[in-house]
Amino acid sequence: MPRTPRLMLKGEESVYHVMSRTALPGYPFGDVEKDYMVQLIQQLSRLYFVEIFGYCIMGNHFHLLVRVFSSDRYSDDEIKQRYLAFFGEDQDFQVMRIDTYRKKWSNLSEFIKEIKQTFSRFYNKLHNRRGTLWGDRFKSVIVEKGETLINCLAYIDLNPVRAGIVKRPEQYRFSSLGYHLQTDNSYDFLSLDFGLKEFGQMSDQERLETYRGYVYEAGAVNTSEKEQDVIEERIIETERKKEYKITRIDRFKNRTRYFTDSGIIGSKAFVSKTYAYFKRPGKTNQKNPRQVAGLNGIYSLKRLTEM
């Protein structure tokens, strides 16, 4: 049975949340492997037409929030410069392959494929093994810029906190917030454009501090609590004090799963417009955007494989 095509906007600037999991049991990625993965993403982001908003490398999977630019954005000379900067000034650049490079370097699948294949070779050599390292195809969600983007980024940076690895997200060095605070965003690896228009009037440091506050507010909830037969009294007392008002923290808790389980996420207009790009001619079972539980103005659409 042929694979269902994934949701990717060809020839348009788009933001994607990518997640991929290993096929190996347990948590096979240690500090050495995580460090290499970060370096690999950093290196390849200089070659491909991408901008990295954030990432998190966990023990058995990784998250990446990336903007992919249109190939039309880059001139032939810029493509040559990227090639020589990446492979070396002594390399023989073949002009007749410019169109090939242009197409490849603006393709999300090619970018993730190169990350995963290069990492697999490193991992297998390091552990003297052979065979498959990764599980199913990577997941990708089309993310609208703005509040959806910054919430998705916060979700990614809070992974090690939710997993109980660290108390503060910046203590985890294999994530974007950790990279920002521990290296001062060395080599300008990560974007400081967090997607919100009001951030535009701020300095880089002010944007980072505002984003960090946003992550802390979202991370104030323990999303790993097991369900109880009854609601605990202390929880009821807390809600009584709040007069049962819904805070942004509550909304964040309710919508985290949409950042990996959706195909498209954003405003209703954005989701509808993007879905129209993929809808097959003559197909009658129209899919409508569904509002994300607990948050007005944010909608999602299921993956193409579920349509």
Protein backbone atom coordinates (compact mmCIF):
# COMPACT_ATOMS: atom_id res chain seq x y z
CA MET A 1 0.00 0.00 0.00
CA PRO A 2 1.55 3.36 -1.01
CA ARG A 3 2.43 5.84 1.69
CA THR A 4 0.04 8.72 2.23
CA PRO A 5 1.73 11.99 1.21
CA ARG A 6 2.59 14.19 4.16
CA LEU A 7 1.35 17.74 4.61
CA MET A 8 4.00 20.05 3.16
CA LEU A 9 3.52 23.37 1.42
CA LYS A 10 5.75 23.31 -1.63
CA GLY A 11 7.25 26.59 -2.78
CA GLU A 12 5.95 28.51 0.23
CA GLU A 13 7.55 29.65 3.46
CA SER A 14 6.13 27.45 6.23
CA VAL A 15 6.79 26.51 9.86
CA TYR A 16 6.73 22.84 10.92
CA HIS A 17 6.87 21.02 14.22
CA VAL A 18 8.76 17.79 13.53
CA MET A 19 8.98 14.82 15.89
CA SER A 20 10.75 11.49 15.32
CA ARG A 21 11.23 8.50 17.61
CA THR A 22 13.81 5.72 17.66
CA ALA A 23 12.83 2.08 17.06
CA LEU A 24 15.14 0.93 19.86
CA PRO A 25 13.77 0.09 23.32
CA GLY A 26 14.38 2.24 26.36
CA TYR A 27 16.34 5.47 26.18
CA PRO A 28 19.34 4.78 23.93
CA PHE A 29 20.43 8.40 23.44
CA GLY A 30 22.89 9.60 26.07
CA ASP A 31 24.79 12.87 26.36
CA VAL A 32 27.22 12.01 23.55
CA GLU A 33 24.41 11.19 21.12
CA LYS A 34 22.36 14.25 22.11
CA ASP A 35 25.34 16.57 21.71
CA TYR A 36 26.01 15.16 18.27
CA MET A 37 22.37 15.60 17.23
CA VAL A 38 22.44 19.28 18.25
CA GLN A 39 25.69 19.83 16.32
CA LEU A 40 24.24 18.06 13.30
CA ILE A 41 21.09 20.21 13.23
CA GLN A 42 23.25 23.29 13.64
CA GLN A 43 25.55 22.33 10.76
CA LEU A 44 22.81 21.33 8.32
CA SER A 45 20.78 24.47 9.09
CA ARG A 46 23.60 26.43 7.44
CA LEU A 47 23.17 24.45 4.23
CA TYR A 48 19.40 24.05 3.96
CA PHE A 49 16.99 26.96 3.52
CA VAL A 50 15.74 26.80 7.08
CA GLU A 51 15.50 28.79 10.31
CA ILE A 52 15.53 26.89 13.60
CA PHE A 53 13.13 28.21 16.24
CA GLY A 54 13.72 25.45 18.75
CA TYR A 55 14.45 21.81 19.47
CA CYS A 56 14.63 19.23 22.23
CA ILE A 57 16.65 16.00 22.07
CA MET A 58 15.29 13.39 24.48
CA GLY A 59 16.48 9.87 25.30
CA ASN A 60 14.41 8.19 22.59
CA HIS A 61 13.07 10.96 20.32
CA PHE A 62 13.59 14.53 19.21
CA HIS A 63 11.48 17.61 18.51
CA LEU A 64 12.30 20.37 16.04
CA LEU A 65 10.45 23.60 15.25
CA VAL A 66 11.72 24.86 11.91
CA ARG A 67 10.80 27.41 9.27
CA VAL A 68 11.45 26.24 5.69
CA PHE A 69 12.00 29.02 3.15
CA SER A 70 11.04 28.98 -0.52
CA SER A 71 13.85 28.18 -2.95
CA ASP A 72 13.06 31.39 -4.85
CA ARG A 73 14.45 33.35 -1.91
CA TYR A 74 18.04 32.45 -2.86
CA SER A 75 20.07 33.47 -5.91
CA ASP A 76 22.43 31.16 -7.77
CA ASP A 77 25.39 32.96 -6.17
CA GLU A 78 23.95 32.43 -2.67
CA ILE A 79 23.52 28.72 -3.39
CA LYS A 80 27.15 28.50 -4.50
CA GLN A 81 28.28 30.34 -1.37
CA ARG A 82 26.33 27.94 0.85
CA TYR A 83 27.80 24.95 -0.91
CA LEU A 84 31.42 26.13 -0.59
CA ALA A 85 30.96 27.29 3.03
CA PHE A 86 29.59 23.87 3.97
CA PHE A 87 31.76 21.52 1.90
CA GLY A 88 34.91 23.63 1.64
CA GLU A 89 36.32 26.31 -0.66
CA ASP A 90 38.47 23.72 -2.44
CA GLN A 91 35.44 21.76 -3.65
CA ASP A 92 34.43 21.76 -7.30
CA PHE A 93 31.04 23.45 -7.48
CA GLN A 94 28.99 22.17 -10.43
CA VAL A 95 26.83 24.95 -11.85
CA MET A 96 24.60 22.48 -13.67
CA ARG A 97 23.45 21.10 -10.29
CA ILE A 98 22.16 24.42 -8.94
CA ASP A 99 18.52 23.48 -9.62
CA THR A 100 19.06 20.17 -7.82
CA TYR A 101 20.51 21.93 -4.76
CA ARG A 102 17.75 24.54 -4.84
CA LYS A 103 15.05 21.87 -4.80
CA LYS A 104 16.71 19.71 -2.15
CA TRP A 105 17.67 22.46 0.29
CA SER A 106 14.14 23.87 0.38
CA ASN A 107 12.54 20.48 1.14
CA LEU A 108 11.62 19.58 4.72
CA SER A 109 11.75 15.84 4.05
CA GLU A 110 15.25 16.08 2.63
CA PHE A 111 16.40 18.11 5.63
CA ILE A 112 15.04 15.63 8.19
CA LYS A 113 16.19 12.66 6.10
CA GLU A 114 19.77 13.95 6.12
CA ILE A 115 19.65 14.56 9.87
CA LYS A 116 18.35 11.08 10.62
CA GLN A 117 20.57 9.20 8.18
CA THR A 118 23.74 10.99 9.27
CA PHE A 119 22.86 10.44 12.93
CA SER A 120 22.15 6.74 12.27
CA ARG A 121 25.62 6.26 10.77
CA PHE A 122 27.18 8.00 13.77
CA TYR A 123 25.15 6.00 16.29
CA ASN A 124 25.76 2.62 14.64
CA LYS A 125 29.50 3.25 14.37
CA LEU A 126 29.67 4.45 17.98
CA HIS A 127 27.86 1.37 19.26
CA ASN A 128 29.29 -1.10 16.76
CA ARG A 129 25.86 -2.10 15.48
CA ARG A 130 23.95 -2.38 12.24
CA GLY A 131 20.32 -2.03 11.29
CA THR A 132 17.42 0.36 11.64
CA LEU A 133 17.61 3.08 14.26
CA TRP A 134 14.44 5.08 13.66
CA GLY A 135 10.82 3.99 13.94
CA ASP A 136 8.02 5.15 11.66
CA ARG A 137 8.27 8.21 9.43
CA PHE A 138 8.71 11.48 11.25
CA LYS A 139 5.61 13.41 12.24
CA SER A 140 5.20 16.97 11.02
CA VAL A 141 2.59 19.58 11.91
CA ILE A 142 2.17 22.82 9.95
CA VAL A 143 2.24 25.61 12.55
CA GLU A 144 0.87 29.11 12.09
CA LYS A 145 3.14 31.96 13.14
CA GLY A 146 2.04 33.96 16.15
CA GLU A 147 0.61 32.63 19.38
CA THR A 148 0.39 29.08 17.99
CA LEU A 149 4.11 29.10 17.22
CA ILE A 150 5.21 30.36 20.63
CA ASN A 151 2.95 27.84 22.40
CA CYS A 152 4.39 25.03 20.30
CA LEU A 153 7.92 26.17 21.13
CA ALA A 154 7.07 26.27 24.84
CA TYR A 155 5.66 22.74 24.57
CA ILE A 156 8.97 21.59 23.07
CA ASP A 157 11.14 23.32 25.68
CA LEU A 158 9.06 21.88 28.53
CA ASN A 159 9.68 18.25 27.51
CA PRO A 160 12.53 17.62 30.00
CA VAL A 161 10.53 19.28 32.81
CA ARG A 162 7.48 17.11 32.12
CA ALA A 163 9.76 14.04 32.00
CA GLY A 164 11.11 14.89 35.46
CA ILE A 165 14.71 15.29 34.22
CA VAL A 166 15.14 18.91 35.37
CA LYS A 167 13.26 21.42 37.52
CA ARG A 168 13.88 24.35 35.20
CA PRO A 169 13.77 24.07 31.38
CA GLU A 170 17.03 25.99 30.84
CA GLN A 171 18.91 23.41 32.95
CA TYR A 172 18.56 20.91 30.10
CA ARG A 173 21.35 21.66 27.65
CA PHE A 174 19.89 19.58 24.82
CA SER A 175 16.97 21.94 24.25
CA SER A 176 16.61 25.37 22.68
CA LEU A 177 16.00 27.29 25.93
CA GLY A 178 18.98 25.53 27.47
CA TYR A 179 21.08 26.46 24.44
CA HIS A 180 19.99 30.10 24.65
CA LEU A 181 20.88 30.50 28.32
CA GLN A 182 23.91 28.18 28.55
CA THR A 183 25.70 29.31 25.36
CA ASP A 184 24.16 32.76 24.79
CA ASN A 185 22.88 31.37 21.48
CA SER A 186 26.38 30.62 20.22
CA TYR A 187 26.90 31.10 16.45
CA ASP A 188 23.39 32.64 16.27
CA PHE A 189 22.11 29.11 15.79
CA LEU A 190 18.54 29.76 16.94
CA SER A 191 16.04 32.34 15.78
CA LEU A 192 14.95 35.00 18.25
CA ASP A 193 11.78 35.66 16.26
CA PHE A 194 9.19 34.04 18.47
CA GLY A 195 6.35 34.72 16.08
CA LEU A 196 4.47 37.40 18.00
CA LYS A 197 4.08 40.84 16.42
CA GLU A 198 4.44 42.61 19.75
CA PHE A 199 7.91 41.04 20.10
CA GLY A 200 9.05 43.09 17.10
CA GLN A 201 9.62 46.24 19.19
CA MET A 202 11.83 44.42 21.69
CA SER A 203 15.57 43.78 21.73
CA ASP A 204 16.82 40.20 21.36
CA GLN A 205 17.41 39.97 25.11
CA GLU A 206 13.95 41.32 25.90
CA ARG A 207 12.33 38.82 23.52
CA LEU A 208 14.23 35.94 25.11
CA GLU A 209 13.29 37.05 28.64
CA THR A 210 9.63 37.45 27.65
CA TYR A 211 9.62 34.01 26.05
CA ARG A 212 11.25 32.48 29.14
CA GLY A 213 8.49 33.97 31.29
CA TYR A 214 5.94 32.52 28.90
CA VAL A 215 7.51 29.05 29.24
CA TYR A 216 7.53 29.27 33.04
CA GLU A 217 3.87 30.25 33.14
CA ALA A 218 2.95 27.38 30.81
CA GLY A 219 5.16 24.96 32.73
CA ALA A 220 3.56 25.64 36.09
CA VAL A 221 1.27 22.65 35.48
CA ASN A 222 2.27 19.06 36.16
CA THR A 223 0.89 17.32 33.05
CA SER A 224 2.10 13.87 34.15
CA GLU A 225 -0.28 13.46 37.12
CA LYS A 226 -2.17 10.18 37.05
CA GLU A 227 -5.94 10.35 36.96
CA GLN A 228 -7.67 9.74 40.31
CA ASP A 229 -11.07 8.23 41.03
CA VAL A 230 -12.09 11.51 42.64
CA ILE A 231 -10.69 15.02 42.46
CA GLU A 232 -8.31 15.65 45.33
CA GLU A 233 -9.45 18.18 47.93
CA ARG A 234 -6.36 20.32 47.49
CA ILE A 235 -7.16 20.70 43.79
CA ILE A 236 -10.74 21.67 44.57
CA GLU A 237 -9.52 24.28 47.09
CA THR A 238 -7.15 25.73 44.52
CA GLU A 239 -9.92 26.03 41.95
CA ARG A 240 -12.26 27.61 44.51
CA LYS A 241 -9.68 30.31 45.19
CA LYS A 242 -9.50 30.95 41.45
CA GLU A 243 -13.31 31.01 41.31
CA TYR A 244 -12.94 28.32 38.66
CA LYS A 245 -11.62 30.81 36.14
CA ILE A 246 -9.70 29.31 33.20
CA THR A 247 -6.14 30.59 33.09
CA ARG A 248 -3.65 30.42 30.22
CA ILE A 249 -1.92 27.64 32.16
CA ASP A 250 -5.10 25.56 32.08
CA ARG A 251 -5.46 26.17 28.37
CA PHE A 252 -1.87 25.19 27.70
CA LYS A 253 -2.33 21.89 29.54
CA ASN A 254 -5.41 21.06 27.49
CA ARG A 255 -3.88 21.76 24.12
CA THR A 256 -0.38 20.25 24.32
CA ARG A 257 -1.31 17.06 22.46
CA TYR A 258 -2.42 19.06 19.43
CA PHE A 259 1.17 20.09 18.75
CA THR A 260 2.06 16.52 17.76
CA ASP A 261 -1.30 14.93 16.87
CA SER A 262 -2.51 17.53 14.36
CA GLY A 263 -1.67 17.98 10.72
CA ILE A 264 -2.26 21.74 10.70
CA ILE A 265 -2.67 24.09 13.69
CA GLY A 266 -3.45 27.81 13.88
CA SER A 267 -6.36 30.19 13.39
CA LYS A 268 -9.51 28.89 11.67
CA ALA A 269 -8.71 30.89 8.52
CA PHE A 270 -5.13 29.58 8.42
CA VAL A 271 -6.18 25.95 8.87
CA SER A 272 -8.95 26.20 6.24
CA LYS A 273 -6.70 27.91 3.71
CA THR A 274 -3.87 25.42 4.24
CA TYR A 275 -6.21 22.42 4.04
CA ALA A 276 -7.55 23.70 0.71
CA TYR A 277 -4.00 23.41 -0.65
CA PHE A 278 -4.00 19.65 -0.01
CA LYS A 279 -7.62 18.73 -0.74
CA ARG A 280 -7.88 16.37 -3.68
CA PRO A 281 -10.14 17.43 -6.57
CA GLY A 282 -13.55 15.76 -6.46
CA LYS A 283 -13.15 14.58 -2.88
CA THR A 284 -16.49 14.90 -1.08
CA ASN A 285 -15.66 14.26 2.58
CA GLN A 286 -14.74 17.83 3.48
CA LYS A 287 -12.81 18.18 6.74
CA ASN A 288 -13.54 21.18 8.92
CA PRO A 289 -11.14 22.78 11.42
CA ARG A 290 -11.90 21.89 15.02
CA GLN A 291 -11.31 24.26 17.89
CA VAL A 292 -8.56 23.22 20.27
CA ALA A 293 -10.08 22.47 23.66
CA GLY A 294 -9.72 25.31 26.12
CA LEU A 295 -8.44 28.01 23.78
CA ASN A 296 -10.48 30.43 21.72
CA GLY A 297 -9.12 31.20 18.29
CA ILE A 298 -6.84 28.15 17.85
CA TYR A 299 -8.01 25.36 15.54
CA SER A 300 -6.50 22.13 14.27
CA LEU A 301 -6.98 19.56 11.55
CA LYS A 302 -6.10 15.88 11.82
CA ARG A 303 -3.19 14.38 9.94
CA LEU A 304 -3.56 13.59 6.26
CA THR A 305 -3.36 9.89 7.13
CA GLU A 306 -6.51 10.31 9.26
CA MET A 307 -8.50 12.31 6.70
